[in-house]
Amino acid sequence: MANVEPLSVSKDLQKLQKKLSLLIESIQTNSKVVAFMKSPVGQYLDRHPFLTLTLLVFIAMSSIPVGFFLLVLVLTSLAAFVGVILLEGLVFSVGGLSLLCVLCGLGFASFVMSGTLTMSYVVCSGLISYWFSPRPLAQQNPGGDCQLRMKTTGLVQLYKERPAEWKEPELFLQKSLDHSQA
């Protein structure tokens, strides 16, 4: 039963990988995307993926405040037709300053989030490539036990080969006291 589950999980992951690769391929072959990628801006963003991720996160995060600001703008414009002209100028000024503050905060947050996403990707891909890298049969544990046992044998060997001063802590402390008094 335990042997069946990893196979089904790997088949599910392969299906998901095929779907994602088809989605990416359809996006990359879109004529508008191809035209944008040939433009100077597209080529610059292609050479700077961190900036691209930051820009994408900023656009996604700023869509809600900008939409809310535009809604308030439209509602106050409707109120201006009723005769509240002074209120409209005040709301535009306060709303514009508020939007500026929110967008600056979102710019910083998107920079932090894209940095976090980039570091998470680097760490996770490194761990996955370490865990699932093909190893020669000599390094694999034939007993099926945890691989930590193999790594701890190296630590035991280092422990046995430690300097003589470390084996006898009193001798080590005495030598360090003699050096400090001299």
Protein backbone atom coordinates (compact mmCIF):
# COMPACT_ATOMS: atom_id res chain seq x y z
CA MET A 1 0.00 0.00 0.00
CA ALA A 2 2.86 2.36 0.81
CA ASN A 3 4.44 1.72 -2.60
CA VAL A 4 1.24 2.74 -4.43
CA GLU A 5 0.93 6.19 -2.86
CA PRO A 6 4.26 7.66 -4.05
CA LEU A 7 3.53 6.48 -7.58
CA SER A 8 0.13 8.17 -7.59
CA VAL A 9 1.62 11.33 -6.12
CA SER A 10 4.34 11.40 -8.77
CA LYS A 11 1.74 10.82 -11.51
CA ASP A 12 -0.33 13.69 -10.13
CA LEU A 13 2.73 15.90 -10.06
CA GLN A 14 3.56 14.93 -13.65
CA LYS A 15 0.01 15.81 -14.73
CA LEU A 16 0.27 19.14 -12.94
CA GLN A 17 3.65 19.79 -14.55
CA LYS A 18 2.19 19.05 -18.01
CA LYS A 19 -0.72 21.41 -17.41
CA LEU A 20 1.58 24.17 -16.19
CA SER A 21 3.95 23.72 -19.12
CA LEU A 22 1.01 23.92 -21.54
CA LEU A 23 -0.21 27.09 -19.82
CA ILE A 24 3.26 28.66 -19.96
CA GLU A 25 3.64 27.66 -23.61
CA SER A 26 0.26 29.19 -24.51
CA ILE A 27 1.24 32.43 -22.79
CA GLN A 28 4.65 32.54 -24.46
CA THR A 29 3.19 31.95 -27.94
CA ASN A 30 0.55 34.68 -27.58
CA SER A 31 1.20 37.32 -30.26
CA LYS A 32 0.86 40.24 -27.83
CA VAL A 33 3.32 38.66 -25.41
CA VAL A 34 5.79 37.98 -28.24
CA ALA A 35 5.49 41.60 -29.43
CA PHE A 36 6.01 42.91 -25.89
CA MET A 37 9.04 40.66 -25.32
CA LYS A 38 10.65 42.01 -28.51
CA SER A 39 10.24 45.60 -27.30
CA PRO A 40 13.08 47.28 -25.36
CA VAL A 41 11.05 47.23 -22.14
CA GLY A 42 10.34 43.50 -22.51
CA GLN A 43 13.99 42.74 -23.18
CA TYR A 44 15.04 44.78 -20.13
CA LEU A 45 12.55 42.98 -17.91
CA ASP A 46 13.69 39.65 -19.34
CA ARG A 47 17.26 40.43 -18.26
CA HIS A 48 16.14 41.54 -14.75
CA PRO A 49 13.75 38.89 -13.36
CA PHE A 50 13.76 40.27 -9.79
CA LEU A 51 12.59 43.66 -11.06
CA THR A 52 9.94 41.92 -13.14
CA LEU A 53 8.67 39.99 -10.11
CA THR A 54 8.65 43.18 -8.02
CA LEU A 55 6.71 45.02 -10.73
CA LEU A 56 4.21 42.17 -11.07
CA VAL A 57 3.61 41.98 -7.30
CA PHE A 58 3.25 45.78 -7.10
CA ILE A 59 0.68 45.87 -9.92
CA ALA A 60 -1.31 43.03 -8.36
CA MET A 61 -1.27 44.59 -4.90
CA SER A 62 -2.03 48.15 -6.04
CA SER A 63 -5.08 47.27 -8.12
CA ILE A 64 -7.45 47.29 -5.11
CA PRO A 65 -6.44 50.73 -3.71
CA VAL A 66 -6.40 52.28 -7.18
CA GLY A 67 -9.83 50.81 -7.91
CA PHE A 68 -11.15 52.10 -4.59
CA PHE A 69 -9.70 55.54 -5.33
CA LEU A 70 -11.34 55.62 -8.77
CA LEU A 71 -14.67 54.58 -7.20
CA VAL A 72 -14.44 57.44 -4.70
CA LEU A 73 -13.51 59.77 -7.55
CA VAL A 74 -16.58 58.79 -9.57
CA LEU A 75 -18.89 59.03 -6.55
CA THR A 76 -17.61 62.50 -5.63
CA SER A 77 -17.89 63.61 -9.23
CA LEU A 78 -21.54 62.57 -9.12
CA ALA A 79 -21.91 64.50 -5.88
CA ALA A 80 -20.33 67.55 -7.58
CA PHE A 81 -23.16 67.59 -10.09
CA VAL A 82 -25.48 68.02 -7.14
CA GLY A 83 -23.52 71.06 -5.97
CA VAL A 84 -20.81 69.94 -3.57
CA ILE A 85 -17.85 71.43 -5.47
CA LEU A 86 -15.72 72.37 -2.44
CA LEU A 87 -16.10 68.91 -0.95
CA GLU A 88 -14.94 67.38 -4.22
CA GLY A 89 -11.64 69.32 -4.21
CA LEU A 90 -11.00 68.34 -0.59
CA VAL A 91 -11.77 64.69 -1.24
CA PHE A 92 -9.55 64.65 -4.34
CA SER A 93 -6.65 66.18 -2.40
CA VAL A 94 -6.98 63.91 0.63
CA GLY A 95 -7.67 60.89 -1.55
CA GLY A 96 -4.69 61.64 -3.79
CA LEU A 97 -2.34 61.97 -0.82
CA SER A 98 -3.79 58.82 0.74
CA LEU A 99 -3.34 56.93 -2.52
CA LEU A 100 0.25 58.15 -2.77
CA CYS A 101 0.99 56.89 0.74
CA VAL A 102 -0.69 53.54 0.10
CA LEU A 103 1.15 53.06 -3.20
CA CYS A 104 4.51 53.87 -1.58
CA GLY A 105 3.77 51.33 1.14
CA LEU A 106 2.69 48.78 -1.44
CA GLY A 107 5.88 49.41 -3.42
CA PHE A 108 7.95 48.61 -0.35
CA ALA A 109 5.77 45.60 0.49
CA SER A 110 6.01 44.27 -3.07
CA PHE A 111 9.81 44.63 -2.94
CA VAL A 112 9.91 42.67 0.33
CA MET A 113 7.47 40.04 -0.94
CA SER A 114 9.35 39.50 -4.19
CA GLY A 115 12.59 39.19 -2.23
CA THR A 116 10.93 36.65 0.05
CA LEU A 117 9.51 34.75 -2.92
CA THR A 118 12.87 34.75 -4.66
CA MET A 119 14.70 33.50 -1.57
CA SER A 120 12.00 30.86 -0.96
CA TYR A 121 12.38 29.66 -4.53
CA VAL A 122 16.15 29.46 -4.24
CA VAL A 123 16.04 27.63 -0.91
CA CYS A 124 13.25 25.23 -1.93
CA SER A 125 14.83 24.40 -5.28
CA GLY A 126 18.16 23.80 -3.57
CA LEU A 127 16.56 21.53 -0.99
CA ILE A 128 14.56 19.63 -3.58
CA SER A 129 17.59 19.14 -5.81
CA TYR A 130 19.58 17.97 -2.77
CA TRP A 131 16.89 15.56 -1.56
CA PHE A 132 16.05 14.08 -4.93
CA SER A 133 19.47 14.15 -6.56
CA PRO A 134 20.61 10.79 -7.90
CA ARG A 135 23.27 9.30 -5.62
CA PRO A 136 25.63 6.40 -6.38
CA LEU A 137 24.77 3.08 -4.79
CA ALA A 138 27.77 3.30 -2.47
CA GLN A 139 26.26 6.34 -0.76
CA GLN A 140 22.77 4.94 -0.42
CA ASN A 141 21.79 3.08 2.71
CA PRO A 142 20.82 -0.49 1.74
CA GLY A 143 19.09 -1.13 5.08
CA GLY A 144 16.42 1.45 4.31
CA ASP A 145 17.19 3.31 7.54
CA CYS A 146 17.31 7.05 7.78
CA GLN A 147 20.17 8.68 5.89
CA LEU A 148 21.15 10.56 9.02
CA ARG A 149 22.90 7.42 10.25
CA MET A 150 25.34 7.67 7.35
CA LYS A 151 26.06 11.31 8.10
CA THR A 152 26.56 10.74 11.83
CA THR A 153 29.31 8.23 11.19
CA GLY A 154 31.39 11.11 9.86
CA LEU A 155 30.69 13.06 13.05
CA VAL A 156 31.74 10.10 15.20
CA GLN A 157 34.98 9.86 13.26
CA LEU A 158 35.61 13.60 13.78
CA TYR A 159 34.90 13.15 17.49
CA LYS A 160 37.50 10.39 17.73
CA GLU A 161 40.10 12.46 15.86
CA ARG A 162 39.75 15.61 17.99
CA PRO A 163 42.90 17.17 19.55
CA ALA A 164 44.22 15.84 22.85
CA GLU A 165 43.40 19.10 24.66
CA TRP A 166 39.73 18.64 23.83
CA LYS A 167 39.67 15.06 25.10
CA GLU A 168 40.67 16.15 28.59
CA PRO A 169 38.82 19.39 29.41
CA GLU A 170 40.73 19.95 32.68
CA LEU A 171 44.04 19.87 30.80
CA PHE A 172 42.65 22.30 28.21
CA LEU A 173 41.42 24.69 30.93
CA GLN A 174 44.73 24.49 32.77
CA LYS A 175 46.71 25.29 29.58
CA SER A 176 44.45 28.24 28.79
CA LEU A 177 44.84 29.56 32.36
CA ASP A 178 48.63 29.20 32.14
CA HIS A 179 48.68 31.16 28.88
CA SER A 180 46.51 33.93 30.34
CA GLN A 181 48.71 34.30 33.46
CA ALA A 182 51.93 34.38 31.45
